[in-house]
Every structure is written in C-alpha cells, then in structure tokens.
PDB file of N, CA and C in Angstrom:
ATOM      1  N   MET A   1      20.134 119.890-277.877  1.00  0.00           N
ATOM      2  CA  MET A   1      20.492 121.230-277.455  1.00  0.00           C
ATOM      3  C   MET A   1      21.742 121.664-278.215  1.00  0.00           C
ATOM      4  N   THR A   2      21.716 122.876-278.702  1.00  0.00           N
ATOM      5  CA  THR A   2      22.865 123.387-279.433  1.00  0.00           C
ATOM      6  C   THR A   2      23.474 124.541-278.662  1.00  0.00           C
ATOM      7  N   GLY A   3      24.735 124.806-278.938  1.00  0.00           N
ATOM      8  CA  GLY A   3      25.442 125.890-278.272  1.00  0.00           C
ATOM      9  C   GLY A   3      25.101 127.223-278.907  1.00  0.00           C
ATOM     10  N   PRO A   4      25.576 128.294-278.299  1.00  0.00           N
ATOM     11  CA  PRO A   4      25.310 129.623-278.852  1.00  0.00           C
ATOM     12  C   PRO A   4      26.004 129.778-280.203  1.00  0.00           C
ATOM     13  N   THR A   5      25.375 130.518-281.069  1.00  0.00           N
ATOM     14  CA  THR A   5      25.973 130.762-282.376  1.00  0.00           C
ATOM     15  C   THR A   5      26.836 132.015-282.303  1.00  0.00           C
ATOM     16  N   ALA A   6      27.829 132.045-283.135  1.00  0.00           N
ATOM     17  CA  ALA A   6      28.704 133.214-283.195  1.00  0.00           C
ATOM     18  C   ALA A   6      27.917 134.382-283.786  1.00  0.00           C
ATOM     19  N   PRO A   7      28.177 135.591-283.314  1.00  0.00           N
ATOM     20  CA  PRO A   7      27.467 136.739-283.873  1.00  0.00           C
ATOM     21  C   PRO A   7      27.843 136.930-285.338  1.00  0.00           C
ATOM     22  N   THR A   8      26.896 137.427-286.104  1.00  0.00           N
ATOM     23  CA  THR A   8      27.165 137.735-287.502  1.00  0.00           C
ATOM     24  C   THR A   8      28.123 138.920-287.550  1.00  0.00           C
ATOM     25  N   PRO A   9      29.225 138.788-288.281  1.00  0.00           N
ATOM     26  CA  PRO A   9      30.175 139.903-288.356  1.00  0.00           C
ATOM     27  C   PRO A   9      29.519 141.147-288.938  1.00  0.00           C
ATOM     28  N   ARG A  10      29.774 142.287-288.339  1.00  0.00           N
ATOM     29  CA  ARG A  10      29.219 143.548-288.845  1.00  0.00           C
ATOM     30  C   ARG A  10      29.991 144.045-290.057  1.00  0.00           C
ATOM     31  N   VAL A  11      31.277 143.684-290.136  1.00  0.00           N
ATOM     32  CA  VAL A  11      32.113 144.153-291.241  1.00  0.00           C
ATOM     33  C   VAL A  11      32.602 142.952-292.035  1.00  0.00           C
ATOM     34  N   THR A  12      32.491 143.059-293.352  1.00  0.00           N
ATOM     35  CA  THR A  12      33.038 142.056-294.260  1.00  0.00           C
ATOM     36  C   THR A  12      34.049 142.755-295.156  1.00  0.00           C
ATOM     37  N   LEU A  13      35.215 142.153-295.278  1.00  0.00           N
ATOM     38  CA  LEU A  13      36.269 142.672-296.144  1.00  0.00           C
ATOM     39  C   LEU A  13      36.482 141.672-297.266  1.00  0.00           C
ATOM     40  N   TYR A  14      36.229 142.101-298.491  1.00  0.00           N
ATOM     41  CA  TYR A  14      36.508 141.270-299.668  1.00  0.00           C
ATOM     42  C   TYR A  14      37.853 141.691-300.231  1.00  0.00           C
ATOM     43  N   GLY A  15      38.721 140.722-300.470  1.00  0.00           N
ATOM     44  CA  GLY A  15      40.045 141.011-301.005  1.00  0.00           C
ATOM     45  C   GLY A  15      40.663 139.772-301.601  1.00  0.00           C
ATOM     46  N   ARG A  16      41.975 139.808-301.755  1.00  0.00           N
ATOM     47  CA  ARG A  16      42.713 138.655-302.283  1.00  0.00           C
ATOM     48  C   ARG A  16      44.141 138.703-301.778  1.00  0.00           C
ATOM     49  N   ALA A  17      44.773 137.558-301.803  1.00  0.00           N
ATOM     50  CA  ALA A  17      46.175 137.447-301.395  1.00  0.00           C
ATOM     51  C   ALA A  17      47.044 138.250-302.355  1.00  0.00           C
ATOM     52  N   GLY A  18      48.089 138.862-301.823  1.00  0.00           N
ATOM     53  CA  GLY A  18      49.036 139.598-302.651  1.00  0.00           C
ATOM     54  C   GLY A  18      48.587 140.994-303.035  1.00  0.00           C
ATOM     55  N   CYS A  19      47.521 141.470-302.441  1.00  0.00           N
ATOM     56  CA  CYS A  19      46.979 142.804-302.738  1.00  0.00           C
ATOM     57  C   CYS A  19      47.417 143.755-301.627  1.00  0.00           C
ATOM     58  N   HIS A  20      48.283 144.723-301.952  1.00  0.00           N
ATOM     59  CA  HIS A  20      48.788 145.625-300.910  1.00  0.00           C
ATOM     60  C   HIS A  20      47.693 146.515-300.339  1.00  0.00           C
ATOM     61  N   LEU A  21      46.719 146.907-301.160  1.00  0.00           N
ATOM     62  CA  LEU A  21      45.599 147.693-300.640  1.00  0.00           C
ATOM     63  C   LEU A  21      44.767 146.863-299.663  1.00  0.00           C
ATOM     64  N   CYS A  22      44.637 145.571-299.952  1.00  0.00           N
ATOM     65  CA  CYS A  22      43.905 144.667-299.050  1.00  0.00           C
ATOM     66  C   CYS A  22      44.632 144.527-297.720  1.00  0.00           C
ATOM     67  N   ASP A  23      45.958 144.463-297.769  1.00  0.00           N
ATOM     68  CA  ASP A  23      46.743 144.365-296.535  1.00  0.00           C
ATOM     69  C   ASP A  23      46.511 145.589-295.652  1.00  0.00           C
ATOM     70  N   THR A  24      46.522 146.764-296.263  1.00  0.00           N
ATOM     71  CA  THR A  24      46.292 148.002-295.519  1.00  0.00           C
ATOM     72  C   THR A  24      44.863 148.052-294.986  1.00  0.00           C
ATOM     73  N   ALA A  25      43.896 147.679-295.813  1.00  0.00           N
ATOM     74  CA  ALA A  25      42.496 147.674-295.391  1.00  0.00           C
ATOM     75  C   ALA A  25      42.288 146.717-294.219  1.00  0.00           C
ATOM     76  N   ARG A  26      42.912 145.554-294.282  1.00  0.00           N
ATOM     77  CA  ARG A  26      42.801 144.557-293.207  1.00  0.00           C
ATOM     78  C   ARG A  26      43.286 145.139-291.879  1.00  0.00           C
ATOM     79  N   GLU A  27      44.401 145.868-291.911  1.00  0.00           N
ATOM     80  CA  GLU A  27      44.933 146.484-290.695  1.00  0.00           C
ATOM     81  C   GLU A  27      43.945 147.497-290.113  1.00  0.00           C
ATOM     82  N   VAL A  28      43.352 148.324-290.978  1.00  0.00           N
ATOM     83  CA  VAL A  28      42.404 149.336-290.521  1.00  0.00           C
ATOM     84  C   VAL A  28      41.156 148.674-289.947  1.00  0.00           C
ATOM     85  N   VAL A  29      40.600 147.716-290.664  1.00  0.00           N
ATOM     86  CA  VAL A  29      39.386 147.035-290.213  1.00  0.00           C
ATOM     87  C   VAL A  29      39.645 146.321-288.885  1.00  0.00           C
ATOM     88  N   ALA A  30      40.759 145.621-288.794  1.00  0.00           N
ATOM     89  CA  ALA A  30      41.075 144.894-287.562  1.00  0.00           C
ATOM     90  C   ALA A  30      41.216 145.852-286.380  1.00  0.00           C
ATOM     91  N   ARG A  31      41.888 146.967-286.597  1.00  0.00           N
ATOM     92  CA  ARG A  31      42.102 147.941-285.520  1.00  0.00           C
ATOM     93  C   ARG A  31      40.778 148.558-285.063  1.00  0.00           C
ATOM     94  N   VAL A  32      39.972 149.011-286.007  1.00  0.00           N
ATOM     95  CA  VAL A  32      38.702 149.656-285.672  1.00  0.00           C
ATOM     96  C   VAL A  32      37.766 148.668-284.980  1.00  0.00           C
ATOM     97  N   CYS A  33      37.651 147.471-285.525  1.00  0.00           N
ATOM     98  CA  CYS A  33      36.761 146.475-284.923  1.00  0.00           C
ATOM     99  C   CYS A  33      37.229 146.071-283.528  1.00  0.00           C
ATOM    100  N   ALA A  34      38.527 145.952-283.337  1.00  0.00           N
ATOM    101  CA  ALA A  34      39.047 145.616-282.003  1.00  0.00           C
ATOM    102  C   ALA A  34      38.748 146.744-281.018  1.00  0.00           C
ATOM    103  N   ASP A  35      38.955 147.978-281.440  1.00  0.00           N
ATOM    104  CA  ASP A  35      38.697 149.128-280.571  1.00  0.00           C
ATOM    105  C   ASP A  35      37.229 149.208-280.159  1.00  0.00           C
ATOM    106  N   LEU A  36      36.328 148.855-281.095  1.00  0.00           N
ATOM    107  CA  LEU A  36      34.895 149.004-280.844  1.00  0.00           C
ATOM    108  C   LEU A  36      34.222 147.710-280.391  1.00  0.00           C
ATOM    109  N   GLY A  37      34.991 146.624-280.318  1.00  0.00           N
ATOM    110  CA  GLY A  37      34.413 145.353-279.901  1.00  0.00           C
ATOM    111  C   GLY A  37      33.476 144.744-280.928  1.00  0.00           C
ATOM    112  N   GLU A  38      33.724 145.032-282.188  1.00  0.00           N
ATOM    113  CA  GLU A  38      32.890 144.516-283.274  1.00  0.00           C
ATOM    114  C   GLU A  38      33.562 143.318-283.932  1.00  0.00           C
ATOM    115  N   THR A  39      32.766 142.499-284.590  1.00  0.00           N
ATOM    116  CA  THR A  39      33.286 141.345-285.306  1.00  0.00           C
ATOM    117  C   THR A  39      33.427 141.684-286.785  1.00  0.00           C
ATOM    118  N   TRP A  40      34.367 140.975-287.427  1.00  0.00           N
ATOM    119  CA  TRP A  40      34.555 141.157-288.860  1.00  0.00           C
ATOM    120  C   TRP A  40      35.022 139.853-289.465  1.00  0.00           C
ATOM    121  N   GLU A  41      34.883 139.763-290.779  1.00  0.00           N
ATOM    122  CA  GLU A  41      35.345 138.591-291.518  1.00  0.00           C
ATOM    123  C   GLU A  41      36.014 139.056-292.795  1.00  0.00           C
ATOM    124  N   GLU A  42      36.878 138.196-293.293  1.00  0.00           N
ATOM    125  CA  GLU A  42      37.549 138.478-294.564  1.00  0.00           C
ATOM    126  C   GLU A  42      37.238 137.342-295.518  1.00  0.00           C
ATOM    127  N   ILE A  43      36.896 137.704-296.745  1.00  0.00           N
ATOM    128  CA  ILE A  43      36.580 136.716-297.761  1.00  0.00           C
ATOM    129  C   ILE A  43      37.491 136.939-298.958  1.00  0.00           C
ATOM    130  N   ASP A  44      38.165 135.879-299.386  1.00  0.00           N
ATOM    131  CA  ASP A  44      39.060 135.916-300.544  1.00  0.00           C
ATOM    132  C   ASP A  44      38.207 135.749-301.795  1.00  0.00           C
ATOM    133  N   ILE A  45      38.161 136.781-302.631  1.00  0.00           N
ATOM    134  CA  ILE A  45      37.305 136.718-303.816  1.00  0.00           C
ATOM    135  C   ILE A  45      37.773 135.661-304.808  1.00  0.00           C
ATOM    136  N   ASP A  46      39.028 135.246-304.715  1.00  0.00           N
ATOM    137  CA  ASP A  46      39.548 134.255-305.649  1.00  0.00           C
ATOM    138  C   ASP A  46      39.016 132.852-305.368  1.00  0.00           C
ATOM    139  N   THR A  47      38.240 132.686-304.284  1.00  0.00           N
ATOM    140  CA  THR A  47      37.653 131.385-303.980  1.00  0.00           C
ATOM    141  C   THR A  47      36.299 131.200-304.653  1.00  0.00           C
ATOM    142  N   ASP A  48      35.798 132.240-305.329  1.00  0.00           N
ATOM    143  CA  ASP A  48      34.456 132.187-305.902  1.00  0.00           C
ATOM    144  C   ASP A  48      34.403 133.038-307.175  1.00  0.00           C
ATOM    145  N   PRO A  49      34.135 132.422-308.329  1.00  0.00           N
ATOM    146  CA  PRO A  49      34.092 133.175-309.587  1.00  0.00           C
ATOM    147  C   PRO A  49      33.056 134.304-309.581  1.00  0.00           C
ATOM    148  N   VAL A  50      31.966 134.135-308.870  1.00  0.00           N
ATOM    149  CA  VAL A  50      30.949 135.193-308.798  1.00  0.00           C
ATOM    150  C   VAL A  50      31.515 136.414-308.077  1.00  0.00           C
ATOM    151  N   LEU A  51      32.237 136.174-306.994  1.00  0.00           N
ATOM    152  CA  LEU A  51      32.864 137.282-306.267  1.00  0.00           C
ATOM    153  C   LEU A  51      33.958 137.934-307.101  1.00  0.00           C
ATOM    154  N   GLN A  52      34.703 137.137-307.858  1.00  0.00           N
ATOM    155  CA  GLN A  52      35.732 137.697-308.743  1.00  0.00           C
ATOM    156  C   GLN A  52      35.091 138.644-309.747  1.00  0.00           C
ATOM    157  N   ASP A  53      33.982 138.220-310.350  1.00  0.00           N
ATOM    158  CA  ASP A  53      33.295 139.067-311.326  1.00  0.00           C
ATOM    159  C   ASP A  53      32.741 140.333-310.693  1.00  0.00           C
ATOM    160  N   ARG A  54      32.195 140.198-309.502  1.00  0.00           N
ATOM    161  CA  ARG A  54      31.552 141.331-308.852  1.00  0.00           C
ATOM    162  C   ARG A  54      32.535 142.355-308.310  1.00  0.00           C
ATOM    163  N   TYR A  55      33.621 141.893-307.670  1.00  0.00           N
ATOM    164  CA  TYR A  55      34.524 142.794-306.955  1.00  0.00           C
ATOM    165  C   TYR A  55      35.935 142.880-307.535  1.00  0.00           C
ATOM    166  N   GLY A  56      36.224 142.153-308.591  1.00  0.00           N
ATOM    167  CA  GLY A  56      37.582 141.999-309.097  1.00  0.00           C
ATOM    168  C   GLY A  56      38.407 143.255-309.248  1.00  0.00           C
ATOM    169  N   GLU A  57      37.824 144.327-309.751  1.00  0.00           N
ATOM    170  CA  GLU A  57      38.577 145.550-309.999  1.00  0.00           C
ATOM    171  C   GLU A  57      38.437 146.576-308.884  1.00  0.00           C
ATOM    172  N   GLU A  58      37.632 146.292-307.869  1.00  0.00           N
ATOM    173  CA  GLU A  58      37.380 147.276-306.825  1.00  0.00           C
ATOM    174  C   GLU A  58      37.989 146.917-305.475  1.00  0.00           C
ATOM    175  N   ILE A  59      38.643 145.773-305.365  1.00  0.00           N
ATOM    176  CA  ILE A  59      39.123 145.340-304.054  1.00  0.00           C
ATOM    177  C   ILE A  59      40.205 146.269-303.517  1.00  0.00           C
ATOM    178  N   PRO A  60      40.286 146.359-302.218  1.00  0.00           N
ATOM    179  CA  PRO A  60      39.404 145.743-301.247  1.00  0.00           C
ATOM    180  C   PRO A  60      38.047 146.451-301.195  1.00  0.00           C
ATOM    181  N   VAL A  61      37.029 145.678-300.881  1.00  0.00           N
ATOM    182  CA  VAL A  61      35.679 146.205-300.703  1.00  0.00           C
ATOM    183  C   VAL A  61      35.260 145.877-299.280  1.00  0.00           C
ATOM    184  N   THR A  62      34.700 146.861-298.593  1.00  0.00           N
ATOM    185  CA  THR A  62      34.183 146.607-297.250  1.00  0.00           C
ATOM    186  C   THR A  62      32.674 146.798-297.250  1.00  0.00           C
ATOM    187  N   LEU A  63      32.017 145.927-296.493  1.00  0.00           N
ATOM    188  CA  LEU A  63      30.587 146.030-296.248  1.00  0.00           C
ATOM    189  C   LEU A  63      30.395 146.226-294.755  1.00  0.00           C
ATOM    190  N   VAL A  64      29.432 147.046-294.386  1.00  0.00           N
ATOM    191  CA  VAL A  64      29.046 147.225-292.987  1.00  0.00           C
ATOM    192  C   VAL A  64      27.574 146.862-292.899  1.00  0.00           C
ATOM    193  N   ASP A  65      27.283 145.906-292.047  1.00  0.00           N
ATOM    194  CA  ASP A  65      25.910 145.419-291.879  1.00  0.00           C
ATOM    195  C   ASP A  65      25.288 145.023-293.213  1.00  0.00           C
ATOM    196  N   GLY A  66      26.113 144.429-294.089  1.00  0.00           N
ATOM    197  CA  GLY A  66      25.633 143.904-295.357  1.00  0.00           C
ATOM    198  C   GLY A  66      25.560 144.890-296.507  1.00  0.00           C
ATOM    199  N   ALA A  67      25.820 146.162-296.261  1.00  0.00           N
ATOM    200  CA  ALA A  67      25.769 147.177-297.319  1.00  0.00           C
ATOM    201  C   ALA A  67      27.188 147.629-297.664  1.00  0.00           C
ATOM    202  N   GLN A  68      27.443 147.827-298.968  1.00  0.00           N
ATOM    203  CA  GLN A  68      28.779 148.260-299.366  1.00  0.00           C
ATOM    204  C   GLN A  68      29.092 149.598-298.725  1.00  0.00           C
ATOM    205  N   HIS A  69      30.293 149.677-298.149  1.00  0.00           N
ATOM    206  CA  HIS A  69      30.711 150.858-297.409  1.00  0.00           C
ATOM    207  C   HIS A  69      31.837 151.608-298.136  1.00  0.00           C
ATOM    208  N   ASP A  70      32.874 150.901-298.524  1.00  0.00           N
ATOM    209  CA  ASP A  70      34.035 151.494-299.191  1.00  0.00           C
ATOM    210  C   ASP A  70      34.604 150.508-300.197  1.00  0.00           C
ATOM    211  N   PHE A  71      35.387 151.017-301.128  1.00  0.00           N
ATOM    212  CA  PHE A  71      36.204 150.161-301.981  1.00  0.00           C
ATOM    213  C   PHE A  71      37.520 150.866-302.253  1.00  0.00           C
ATOM    214  N   TRP A  72      38.527 150.089-302.595  1.00  0.00           N
ATOM    215  CA  TRP A  72      39.913 150.497-302.812  1.00  0.00           C
ATOM    216  C   TRP A  72      40.630 150.898-301.531  1.00  0.00           C
ATOM    217  N   ARG A  73      40.049 151.736-300.726  1.00  0.00           N
ATOM    218  CA  ARG A  73      40.673 152.158-299.473  1.00  0.00           C
ATOM    219  C   ARG A  73      39.611 152.203-298.376  1.00  0.00           C
ATOM    220  N   VAL A  74      40.042 151.954-297.151  1.00  0.00           N
ATOM    221  CA  VAL A  74      39.135 152.035-296.008  1.00  0.00           C
ATOM    222  C   VAL A  74      39.498 153.273-295.213  1.00  0.00           C
ATOM    223  N   ASP A  75      38.560 154.186-295.107  1.00  0.00           N
ATOM    224  CA  ASP A  75      38.754 155.399-294.329  1.00  0.00           C
ATOM    225  C   ASP A  75      38.409 155.077-292.871  1.00  0.00           C
ATOM    226  N   GLU A  76      39.414 155.155-292.006  1.00  0.00           N
ATOM    227  CA  GLU A  76      39.236 154.742-290.618  1.00  0.00           C
ATOM    228  C   GLU A  76      38.135 155.534-289.911  1.00  0.00           C
ATOM    229  N   ALA A  77      38.127 156.847-290.055  1.00  0.00           N
ATOM    230  CA  ALA A  77      37.123 157.673-289.378  1.00  0.00           C
ATOM    231  C   ALA A  77      35.719 157.352-289.888  1.00  0.00           C
ATOM    232  N   ARG A  78      35.598 157.150-291.171  1.00  0.00           N
ATOM    233  CA  ARG A  78      34.289 156.824-291.769  1.00  0.00           C
ATOM    234  C   ARG A  78      33.799 155.465-291.279  1.00  0.00           C
ATOM    235  N   LEU A  79      34.698 154.480-291.177  1.00  0.00           N
ATOM    236  CA  LEU A  79      34.321 153.160-290.689  1.00  0.00           C
ATOM    237  C   LEU A  79      33.896 153.245-289.220  1.00  0.00           C
ATOM    238  N   ARG A  80      34.652 153.966-288.413  1.00  0.00           N
ATOM    239  CA  ARG A  80      34.281 154.137-287.007  1.00  0.00           C
ATOM    240  C   ARG A  80      32.888 154.770-286.884  1.00  0.00           C
ATOM    241  N   ALA A  81      32.636 155.789-287.692  1.00  0.00           N
ATOM    242  CA  ALA A  81      31.347 156.472-287.644  1.00  0.00           C
ATOM    243  C   ALA A  81      30.206 155.504-288.011  1.00  0.00           C
ATOM    244  N   ALA A  82      30.425 154.705-289.027  1.00  0.00           N
ATOM    245  CA  ALA A  82      29.393 153.758-289.465  1.00  0.00           C
ATOM    246  C   ALA A  82      29.096 152.714-288.397  1.00  0.00           C
ATOM    247  N   LEU A  83      30.115 152.319-287.657  1.00  0.00           N
ATOM    248  CA  LEU A  83      29.928 151.278-286.646  1.00  0.00           C
ATOM    249  C   LEU A  83      29.400 151.816-285.316  1.00  0.00           C
ATOM    250  N   THR A  84      29.395 153.129-285.137  1.00  0.00           N
ATOM    251  CA  THR A  84      28.895 153.693-283.887  1.00  0.00           C
ATOM    252  C   THR A  84      27.544 154.370-284.063  1.00  0.00           C
ATOM    253  N   ARG A  85      26.946 154.264-285.230  1.00  0.00           N
ATOM    254  CA  ARG A  85      25.609 154.838-285.450  1.00  0.00           C
ATOM    255  C   ARG A  85      24.585 154.003-284.770  1.00  0.00           C
TER     256      ARG A  85
END
C-alpha cells in the first residue's frame, strides 16, 4: 500500500539563482498560488543543459498546466485569470 501522491503543481517557474527578474516572479507566483490554493514548483535551469538551451535568454518562464504562460515578467492579473478558468 502506498500513500497519497502530491498533486502535480499547476504552475512551474523556470529561473536561476541571482536573477532579479526571477526573484520578482517567484514573489508573484507564490502570492497568487497561496491566495488561490494552487501548487507550484520552481526549477533552476542551471541544473540541466537542455533547460539552459531552451530557456536561457527568456527567464523567468512560467508554465500553467504545462503550457508556457509568460516569460521575463509575470503579470499577476493574467496569472490569476489563467488559474481560475
């Protein structure tokens, strides 16, 4: 018998350490997800060369339900709208 699995995060934030835009995006994502009771995860692109190639110049990048939602900046109202559809 296994225990319950954690829900798949609805929001994924791709970024890297030392990125001021990522710091701001993290604050917005955390606030919106907390307000709406949604889960999110953050992935450091510097841990994977494929992610570095894919997102290197666009970070932070946010995905909602697996689809790219925003890059460079996270618009709080737009993120809220996407999560309440």
